Amino acid sequence: MIQLTPHMRILVALEPADFRRGIDGLARLCQEGLGADPFQGTVFLFRNRRGTAIKVLVYDGQGFWLCHKRLSQGRFRFWPNGTRPVRPLEAHQVQLLLSGGDAEAPAQVPGPWRRLPHPV
């Protein structure tokens, strides 16, 4: 099971990926197209051209996990943009993105989890 935590490095590929690619093809895309090492435990997110599906690739030290989420209706309304081929996101932003929300909307994105002071 994969759990996204605030300590993980999460990178989102800004350009759509060819979803015919499997683990090896996406790992090669990470190395050649995004300039990142897929064997370092970084979580990579990719979306298809139509914006109806997302793939998540991560290496856990023993092997790769490849998760695929395809919407039954509609499209993912938000996808990060920028001038570089990849962009970092925080774990809470990814959870919002996977549920179809806008990871950059201030009203929807609470800050990272933090411990509340203990009542006296």
Protein backbone atom coordinates (compact mmCIF):
# COMPACT_ATOMS: atom_id res chain seq x y z
CA MET A 1 0.00 0.00 0.00
CA ILE A 2 1.26 3.48 -0.82
CA GLN A 3 0.76 6.28 1.65
CA LEU A 4 1.61 9.84 0.66
CA THR A 5 3.29 11.68 3.53
CA PRO A 6 4.54 15.26 3.91
CA HIS A 7 8.11 13.93 3.86
CA MET A 8 7.87 12.51 0.34
CA ARG A 9 9.19 14.27 -2.72
CA ILE A 10 6.34 14.45 -5.22
CA LEU A 11 6.83 15.62 -8.80
CA VAL A 12 4.09 16.26 -11.35
CA ALA A 13 4.87 15.97 -15.06
CA LEU A 14 3.30 19.06 -16.61
CA GLU A 15 2.99 17.69 -20.15
CA PRO A 16 0.60 14.79 -20.86
CA ALA A 17 2.16 11.34 -21.02
CA ASP A 18 1.44 8.50 -23.41
CA PHE A 19 -0.62 6.14 -21.25
CA ARG A 20 0.35 3.14 -23.35
CA ARG A 21 3.61 3.31 -21.40
CA GLY A 22 4.01 0.97 -18.48
CA ILE A 23 6.47 1.05 -15.59
CA ASP A 24 9.61 0.86 -17.72
CA GLY A 25 8.43 3.51 -20.17
CA LEU A 26 7.40 5.93 -17.43
CA ALA A 27 10.65 5.32 -15.52
CA ARG A 28 12.58 6.15 -18.70
CA LEU A 29 10.44 9.29 -19.12
CA CYS A 30 11.37 10.30 -15.56
CA GLN A 31 15.08 9.95 -16.35
CA GLU A 32 15.21 11.36 -19.86
CA GLY A 33 12.31 13.79 -20.04
CA LEU A 34 12.05 15.03 -16.46
CA GLY A 35 15.69 14.74 -15.39
CA ALA A 36 14.86 12.84 -12.20
CA ASP A 37 15.93 9.44 -10.88
CA PRO A 38 12.88 7.17 -10.44
CA PHE A 39 14.87 4.87 -8.09
CA GLN A 40 15.18 7.52 -5.34
CA GLY A 41 11.66 7.06 -3.95
CA THR A 42 10.22 10.16 -5.59
CA VAL A 43 6.50 9.97 -6.39
CA PHE A 44 5.75 10.90 -10.01
CA LEU A 45 2.32 11.90 -11.30
CA PHE A 46 1.34 11.83 -14.96
CA ARG A 47 -1.92 12.60 -16.73
CA ASN A 48 -3.20 11.56 -20.12
CA ARG A 49 -3.83 14.00 -22.96
CA ARG A 50 -7.61 14.12 -22.44
CA GLY A 51 -7.26 14.76 -18.70
CA THR A 52 -9.42 11.80 -17.74
CA ALA A 53 -6.75 9.68 -16.06
CA ILE A 54 -3.72 9.95 -13.79
CA LYS A 55 -0.86 7.50 -13.26
CA VAL A 56 1.32 7.50 -10.16
CA LEU A 57 4.77 5.88 -10.28
CA VAL A 58 6.93 5.29 -7.21
CA TYR A 59 9.81 3.01 -6.28
CA ASP A 60 9.59 1.60 -2.74
CA GLY A 61 13.04 0.02 -2.46
CA GLN A 62 11.90 -3.41 -3.67
CA GLY A 63 10.11 -2.52 -6.87
CA PHE A 64 7.85 -0.06 -8.62
CA TRP A 65 4.23 0.73 -7.85
CA LEU A 66 2.14 1.97 -10.76
CA CYS A 67 -1.31 3.24 -9.83
CA HIS A 68 -3.85 4.33 -12.42
CA LYS A 69 -6.97 6.37 -11.71
CA ARG A 70 -9.46 6.91 -14.52
CA LEU A 71 -12.56 9.02 -14.02
CA SER A 72 -15.84 7.45 -15.03
CA GLN A 73 -17.22 10.87 -15.98
CA GLY A 74 -15.67 14.24 -16.73
CA ARG A 75 -12.05 15.34 -16.49
CA PHE A 76 -9.59 16.41 -13.87
CA ARG A 77 -10.35 20.13 -13.78
CA PHE A 78 -6.96 21.19 -12.50
CA TRP A 79 -3.44 20.33 -13.56
CA PRO A 80 -0.40 22.34 -12.50
CA ASN A 81 1.37 24.44 -15.10
CA GLY A 82 4.75 26.08 -15.43
CA THR A 83 7.76 26.58 -17.67
CA ARG A 84 9.74 23.52 -16.53
CA PRO A 85 8.80 19.92 -17.45
CA VAL A 86 8.09 18.98 -13.84
CA ARG A 87 6.70 20.68 -10.77
CA PRO A 88 6.77 19.68 -7.09
CA LEU A 89 3.57 19.31 -5.07
CA GLU A 90 2.96 18.55 -1.42
CA ALA A 91 1.13 15.44 -0.25
CA HIS A 92 -2.05 17.29 0.74
CA GLN A 93 -2.15 18.93 -2.70
CA VAL A 94 -1.89 15.55 -4.41
CA GLN A 95 -4.78 14.17 -2.36
CA LEU A 96 -6.88 17.13 -3.47
CA LEU A 97 -5.76 16.73 -7.08
CA LEU A 98 -6.68 13.02 -7.10
CA SER A 99 -10.15 13.84 -5.80
CA GLY A 100 -10.71 16.27 -8.68
CA GLY A 101 -10.00 19.52 -6.86
CA ASP A 102 -7.71 22.46 -7.55
CA ALA A 103 -4.50 21.89 -5.60
CA GLU A 104 -3.60 25.58 -5.78
CA ALA A 105 -6.89 27.15 -4.70
CA PRO A 106 -6.23 28.72 -1.29
CA ALA A 107 -9.75 28.01 -0.02
CA GLN A 108 -9.43 24.28 -0.72
CA VAL A 109 -5.87 23.60 0.33
CA PRO A 110 -5.16 23.65 4.02
CA GLY A 111 -1.51 23.86 4.92
CA PRO A 112 0.44 20.76 5.73
CA TRP A 113 -0.68 18.89 8.82
CA ARG A 114 0.80 20.16 12.05
CA ARG A 115 0.36 19.19 15.67
CA LEU A 116 -1.99 21.37 17.72
CA PRO A 117 -0.82 22.63 21.10
CA HIS A 118 -1.74 20.37 23.98
CA PRO A 119 -4.47 21.90 26.17
CA VAL A 120 -3.36 22.58 29.73
